[in-house]
């Protein structure tokens, strides 16, 4: 049995909710992608400094460098998590603005001979 696509609810309010959901999905996907790319590029760029800091971990300046690098990487993790939440909120809004299709078509309920 095939899964039937959800049907949009009627009305301007639900159309606005669906458009808002679409915009949340786009913004969430872009934030998620930006967070992932930013994390990867920043990690690649700061990897030599991070390794140097771990080599001299007993010095206070090395601890400061390691803390700053992890804080900077944490910004991209927070951005990615925010994007994931926004993406999920977009799907939730899209689900609120649509109805599940009926399992029995309306024509077969009204006219039993029309189904076969």
N, C-alpha and C. Protein backbone atom coordinates (compact mmCIF):
# COMPACT_ATOMS: atom_id res chain seq x y z
N UNK A 1 0.85 -1.18 0.00
CA UNK A 1 0.00 0.00 0.00
C UNK A 1 0.89 1.23 0.00
N UNK A 2 0.56 2.18 -0.83
CA UNK A 2 1.35 3.40 -0.96
C UNK A 2 0.93 4.43 0.08
N UNK A 3 1.89 5.19 0.50
CA UNK A 3 1.62 6.26 1.47
C UNK A 3 1.06 7.46 0.72
N UNK A 4 -0.07 7.96 1.19
CA UNK A 4 -0.70 9.10 0.52
C UNK A 4 -0.14 10.40 1.06
N UNK A 5 0.01 11.36 0.17
CA UNK A 5 0.54 12.67 0.55
C UNK A 5 -0.51 13.43 1.37
N UNK A 6 -0.03 14.21 2.32
CA UNK A 6 -0.94 15.01 3.16
C UNK A 6 -1.57 16.12 2.34
N UNK A 7 -2.80 16.47 2.67
CA UNK A 7 -3.58 17.46 1.94
C UNK A 7 -3.56 18.78 2.71
N UNK A 8 -3.26 19.92 2.05
CA UNK A 8 -3.26 21.21 2.77
C UNK A 8 -4.65 21.57 3.27
N UNK A 9 -4.69 22.18 4.46
CA UNK A 9 -5.96 22.67 5.00
C UNK A 9 -6.34 23.94 4.26
N UNK A 10 -7.63 24.21 4.21
CA UNK A 10 -8.13 25.39 3.51
C UNK A 10 -7.98 26.62 4.41
N UNK A 11 -7.80 27.77 3.78
CA UNK A 11 -7.77 29.03 4.52
C UNK A 11 -6.43 29.74 4.41
N UNK A 12 -6.50 31.05 4.53
CA UNK A 12 -5.29 31.88 4.43
C UNK A 12 -4.36 31.67 5.62
N UNK A 13 -4.93 31.42 6.79
CA UNK A 13 -4.09 31.21 7.98
C UNK A 13 -3.19 30.00 7.80
N UNK A 14 -3.77 28.89 7.33
CA UNK A 14 -2.98 27.67 7.16
C UNK A 14 -1.99 27.80 6.01
N UNK A 15 -2.34 28.60 5.01
CA UNK A 15 -1.38 28.85 3.94
C UNK A 15 -0.18 29.63 4.48
N UNK A 16 -0.46 30.60 5.35
CA UNK A 16 0.62 31.35 5.99
C UNK A 16 1.49 30.47 6.88
N UNK A 17 0.85 29.52 7.57
CA UNK A 17 1.60 28.59 8.43
C UNK A 17 2.49 27.70 7.57
N UNK A 18 1.99 27.25 6.42
CA UNK A 18 2.80 26.41 5.54
C UNK A 18 3.98 27.20 4.96
N UNK A 19 3.75 28.46 4.59
CA UNK A 19 4.85 29.29 4.06
C UNK A 19 5.88 29.55 5.16
N UNK A 20 5.41 29.81 6.38
CA UNK A 20 6.33 30.00 7.50
C UNK A 20 7.13 28.73 7.75
N UNK A 21 6.48 27.59 7.67
CA UNK A 21 7.19 26.32 7.83
C UNK A 21 8.25 26.11 6.77
N UNK A 22 7.92 26.48 5.54
CA UNK A 22 8.90 26.37 4.45
C UNK A 22 10.09 27.28 4.70
N UNK A 23 9.83 28.50 5.16
CA UNK A 23 10.93 29.43 5.45
C UNK A 23 11.78 28.94 6.62
N UNK A 24 11.15 28.35 7.63
CA UNK A 24 11.92 27.78 8.74
C UNK A 24 12.79 26.62 8.27
N UNK A 25 12.26 25.79 7.35
CA UNK A 25 13.06 24.68 6.82
C UNK A 25 14.26 25.19 6.04
N UNK A 26 14.06 26.23 5.22
CA UNK A 26 15.17 26.79 4.44
C UNK A 26 16.21 27.41 5.36
N UNK A 27 15.75 28.22 6.32
CA UNK A 27 16.69 28.87 7.25
C UNK A 27 17.42 27.83 8.10
N UNK A 28 16.71 26.81 8.55
CA UNK A 28 17.34 25.76 9.35
C UNK A 28 18.38 24.98 8.57
N UNK A 29 18.07 24.67 7.32
CA UNK A 29 19.04 23.95 6.49
C UNK A 29 20.28 24.79 6.24
N UNK A 30 20.09 26.08 5.99
CA UNK A 30 21.24 26.96 5.76
C UNK A 30 22.08 27.13 7.03
N UNK A 31 21.43 27.26 8.19
CA UNK A 31 22.19 27.37 9.44
C UNK A 31 22.93 26.07 9.75
N UNK A 32 22.28 24.94 9.51
CA UNK A 32 22.92 23.65 9.74
C UNK A 32 24.12 23.47 8.83
N UNK A 33 23.97 23.84 7.57
CA UNK A 33 25.08 23.74 6.62
C UNK A 33 26.20 24.72 6.99
N UNK A 34 25.84 25.93 7.37
CA UNK A 34 26.85 26.92 7.77
C UNK A 34 27.59 26.50 9.02
N UNK A 35 26.87 25.93 9.99
CA UNK A 35 27.52 25.45 11.20
C UNK A 35 28.47 24.30 10.93
N UNK A 36 28.05 23.38 10.06
CA UNK A 36 28.90 22.24 9.73
C UNK A 36 30.14 22.67 8.98
N UNK A 37 29.96 23.50 7.96
CA UNK A 37 31.11 23.98 7.18
C UNK A 37 32.04 24.85 8.01
N UNK A 38 31.46 25.72 8.83
CA UNK A 38 32.27 26.57 9.69
C UNK A 38 33.08 25.76 10.69
N UNK A 39 32.46 24.74 11.27
CA UNK A 39 33.18 23.89 12.21
C UNK A 39 34.34 23.18 11.54
N UNK A 40 34.07 22.59 10.37
CA UNK A 40 35.12 21.84 9.67
C UNK A 40 36.26 22.76 9.25
N UNK A 41 35.94 23.89 8.64
CA UNK A 41 36.99 24.80 8.17
C UNK A 41 37.78 25.41 9.34
N UNK A 42 37.09 25.76 10.41
CA UNK A 42 37.78 26.32 11.57
C UNK A 42 38.65 25.27 12.24
N UNK A 43 38.17 24.05 12.30
CA UNK A 43 38.96 22.98 12.90
C UNK A 43 40.22 22.71 12.09
N UNK A 44 40.07 22.70 10.77
CA UNK A 44 41.25 22.48 9.90
C UNK A 44 42.24 23.64 10.06
N UNK A 45 41.72 24.85 10.11
CA UNK A 45 42.59 26.02 10.22
C UNK A 45 43.29 26.09 11.59
N UNK A 46 42.62 25.69 12.64
CA UNK A 46 43.20 25.82 13.98
C UNK A 46 43.82 24.53 14.50
N UNK A 47 43.85 23.47 13.72
CA UNK A 47 44.42 22.21 14.18
C UNK A 47 45.90 22.32 14.56
N UNK A 48 46.75 23.00 13.78
CA UNK A 48 48.15 23.12 14.22
C UNK A 48 48.31 23.85 15.55
N UNK A 49 47.55 24.92 15.74
CA UNK A 49 47.63 25.64 17.03
C UNK A 49 47.10 24.78 18.17
N UNK A 50 46.07 24.00 17.89
CA UNK A 50 45.51 23.13 18.92
C UNK A 50 46.51 22.05 19.33
N UNK A 51 47.18 21.45 18.35
CA UNK A 51 48.19 20.44 18.66
C UNK A 51 49.37 21.04 19.41
N UNK A 52 49.77 22.24 19.01
CA UNK A 52 50.86 22.94 19.71
C UNK A 52 50.46 23.26 21.15
N UNK A 53 49.22 23.64 21.35
CA UNK A 53 48.73 23.92 22.69
C UNK A 53 48.70 22.67 23.56
N UNK A 54 48.32 21.53 22.97
CA UNK A 54 48.31 20.30 23.74
C UNK A 54 49.73 19.84 24.09
N UNK A 55 50.69 20.18 23.25
CA UNK A 55 52.07 19.80 23.53
C UNK A 55 52.59 20.53 24.78
N UNK A 56 52.21 21.81 24.91
CA UNK A 56 52.67 22.61 26.05
C UNK A 56 51.48 22.94 26.97
N UNK A 57 50.74 21.92 27.35
CA UNK A 57 49.51 22.13 28.11
C UNK A 57 49.77 22.71 29.50
N UNK A 58 50.97 22.52 30.05
CA UNK A 58 51.26 23.01 31.39
C UNK A 58 51.45 24.53 31.44
N UNK A 59 51.66 25.16 30.29
CA UNK A 59 51.82 26.61 30.26
C UNK A 59 50.45 27.29 30.20
N UNK A 60 50.36 28.43 30.83
CA UNK A 60 49.08 29.11 30.92
C UNK A 60 48.62 29.66 29.57
N UNK A 61 49.56 30.11 28.73
CA UNK A 61 49.18 30.64 27.43
C UNK A 61 48.61 29.54 26.53
N UNK A 62 49.16 28.35 26.64
CA UNK A 62 48.65 27.22 25.85
C UNK A 62 47.22 26.87 26.27
N UNK A 63 46.95 26.94 27.56
CA UNK A 63 45.60 26.67 28.04
C UNK A 63 44.61 27.71 27.53
N UNK A 64 45.08 28.96 27.45
CA UNK A 64 44.23 30.02 26.92
C UNK A 64 43.93 29.79 25.44
N UNK A 65 44.94 29.39 24.68
CA UNK A 65 44.75 29.14 23.25
C UNK A 65 43.77 27.98 23.04
N UNK A 66 43.92 26.92 23.81
CA UNK A 66 43.02 25.77 23.68
C UNK A 66 41.59 26.17 24.05
N UNK A 67 41.43 26.94 25.10
CA UNK A 67 40.10 27.40 25.51
C UNK A 67 39.46 28.28 24.44
N UNK A 68 40.24 29.18 23.85
CA UNK A 68 39.69 30.05 22.80
C UNK A 68 39.30 29.27 21.56
N UNK A 69 40.10 28.29 21.18
CA UNK A 69 39.78 27.49 19.99
C UNK A 69 38.50 26.69 20.23
N UNK A 70 38.39 26.06 21.40
CA UNK A 70 37.18 25.27 21.67
C UNK A 70 35.94 26.16 21.80
N UNK A 71 36.11 27.37 22.30
CA UNK A 71 35.00 28.31 22.37
C UNK A 71 34.56 28.71 20.97
N UNK A 72 35.54 28.97 20.11
CA UNK A 72 35.23 29.36 18.73
C UNK A 72 34.56 28.21 17.98
N UNK A 73 34.99 26.98 18.24
CA UNK A 73 34.33 25.83 17.62
C UNK A 73 32.94 25.61 18.20
N UNK A 74 32.76 25.96 19.47
CA UNK A 74 31.46 25.81 20.10
C UNK A 74 30.40 26.71 19.50
N UNK A 75 30.82 27.85 18.97
CA UNK A 75 29.88 28.75 18.30
C UNK A 75 29.24 28.05 17.11
N UNK A 76 30.04 27.31 16.35
CA UNK A 76 29.50 26.61 15.19
C UNK A 76 28.63 25.42 15.59
N UNK A 77 28.94 24.81 16.72
CA UNK A 77 28.09 23.72 17.21
C UNK A 77 26.72 24.28 17.62
N UNK A 78 26.71 25.40 18.30
CA UNK A 78 25.44 26.04 18.69
C UNK A 78 24.65 26.46 17.44
N UNK A 79 25.36 26.99 16.43
CA UNK A 79 24.69 27.38 15.18
C UNK A 79 24.06 26.17 14.50
N UNK A 80 24.77 25.05 14.48
CA UNK A 80 24.22 23.83 13.89
C UNK A 80 23.02 23.30 14.64
N UNK A 81 23.08 23.33 15.97
CA UNK A 81 21.94 22.87 16.78
C UNK A 81 20.73 23.77 16.60
N UNK A 82 20.97 25.07 16.50
CA UNK A 82 19.87 26.00 16.25
C UNK A 82 19.25 25.75 14.88
N UNK A 83 20.09 25.47 13.90
CA UNK A 83 19.59 25.13 12.57
C UNK A 83 18.77 23.86 12.58
N UNK A 84 19.21 22.88 13.36
CA UNK A 84 18.46 21.63 13.45
C UNK A 84 17.10 21.85 14.09
N UNK A 85 17.04 22.66 15.14
CA UNK A 85 15.76 22.98 15.77
C UNK A 85 14.84 23.75 14.83
N UNK A 86 15.40 24.69 14.08
CA UNK A 86 14.60 25.46 13.13
C UNK A 86 14.07 24.57 12.01
N UNK A 87 14.90 23.65 11.57
CA UNK A 87 14.49 22.71 10.52
C UNK A 87 13.34 21.83 11.01
N UNK A 88 13.45 21.35 12.24
CA UNK A 88 12.38 20.54 12.83
C UNK A 88 11.10 21.33 13.05
N UNK A 89 11.24 22.60 13.45
CA UNK A 89 10.06 23.45 13.62
C UNK A 89 9.35 23.68 12.29
N UNK A 90 10.13 23.79 11.22
CA UNK A 90 9.52 23.93 9.88
C UNK A 90 8.69 22.72 9.51
N UNK A 91 9.19 21.52 9.80
CA UNK A 91 8.41 20.31 9.52
C UNK A 91 7.17 20.24 10.41
N UNK A 92 7.30 20.67 11.65
CA UNK A 92 6.15 20.68 12.55
C UNK A 92 5.07 21.63 12.05
N UNK A 93 5.45 22.83 11.63
CA UNK A 93 4.47 23.78 11.11
C UNK A 93 3.82 23.27 9.83
N UNK A 94 4.58 22.58 9.00
CA UNK A 94 4.01 22.02 7.78
C UNK A 94 3.01 20.91 8.11
N UNK A 95 3.30 20.16 9.14
CA UNK A 95 2.37 19.09 9.54
C UNK A 95 1.09 19.65 10.15
N UNK A 96 1.21 20.76 10.89
CA UNK A 96 0.03 21.38 11.50
C UNK A 96 -0.91 21.92 10.42
N UNK A 97 -0.36 22.41 9.33
CA UNK A 97 -1.17 23.05 8.29
C UNK A 97 -1.68 22.08 7.24
N UNK A 98 -1.50 20.78 7.44
CA UNK A 98 -2.00 19.79 6.48
C UNK A 98 -2.84 18.76 7.21
N UNK A 99 -3.71 18.11 6.45
CA UNK A 99 -4.56 17.06 6.99
C UNK A 99 -4.14 15.71 6.43
N UNK A 100 -4.43 14.69 7.20
CA UNK A 100 -4.21 13.33 6.73
C UNK A 100 -5.31 12.98 5.73
N UNK A 101 -4.97 12.37 4.62
CA UNK A 101 -6.04 11.98 3.69
C UNK A 101 -6.86 10.83 4.28
N UNK A 102 -8.12 10.80 3.91
CA UNK A 102 -9.00 9.74 4.41
C UNK A 102 -8.60 8.42 3.76
N UNK A 103 -8.74 7.35 4.51
CA UNK A 103 -8.38 6.04 3.97
C UNK A 103 -9.43 5.55 2.97
N UNK A 104 -10.68 6.00 3.13
CA UNK A 104 -11.74 5.64 2.19
C UNK A 104 -12.13 6.89 1.41
N UNK A 105 -12.06 6.84 0.09
CA UNK A 105 -12.43 8.03 -0.69
C UNK A 105 -13.89 8.41 -0.47
N UNK A 106 -14.17 9.69 -0.57
CA UNK A 106 -15.51 10.21 -0.33
C UNK A 106 -16.51 9.68 -1.36
N UNK A 107 -16.10 9.44 -2.59
CA UNK A 107 -17.03 8.96 -3.62
C UNK A 107 -17.53 7.57 -3.31
N UNK A 108 -16.70 6.72 -2.70
CA UNK A 108 -17.15 5.36 -2.42
C UNK A 108 -18.13 5.35 -1.22
N UNK A 109 -18.05 6.35 -0.35
CA UNK A 109 -19.00 6.41 0.76
C UNK A 109 -20.36 6.87 0.26
N UNK A 110 -20.35 7.88 -0.64
CA UNK A 110 -21.61 8.40 -1.18
C UNK A 110 -22.28 7.41 -2.12
N UNK A 111 -21.50 6.77 -2.98
CA UNK A 111 -22.04 5.87 -3.99
C UNK A 111 -21.26 4.55 -3.93
N UNK A 112 -21.80 3.53 -3.29
CA UNK A 112 -21.06 2.27 -3.14
C UNK A 112 -20.79 1.56 -4.48
N UNK A 113 -21.61 1.79 -5.50
CA UNK A 113 -21.42 1.13 -6.78
C UNK A 113 -20.28 1.77 -7.59
N UNK A 114 -19.87 3.00 -7.27
CA UNK A 114 -18.85 3.69 -8.04
C UNK A 114 -17.44 3.18 -7.75
N UNK A 115 -17.26 2.49 -6.64
CA UNK A 115 -15.91 2.05 -6.27
C UNK A 115 -15.48 0.82 -7.07
N UNK A 116 -16.40 0.00 -7.52
CA UNK A 116 -16.03 -1.21 -8.26
C UNK A 116 -16.58 -1.19 -9.66
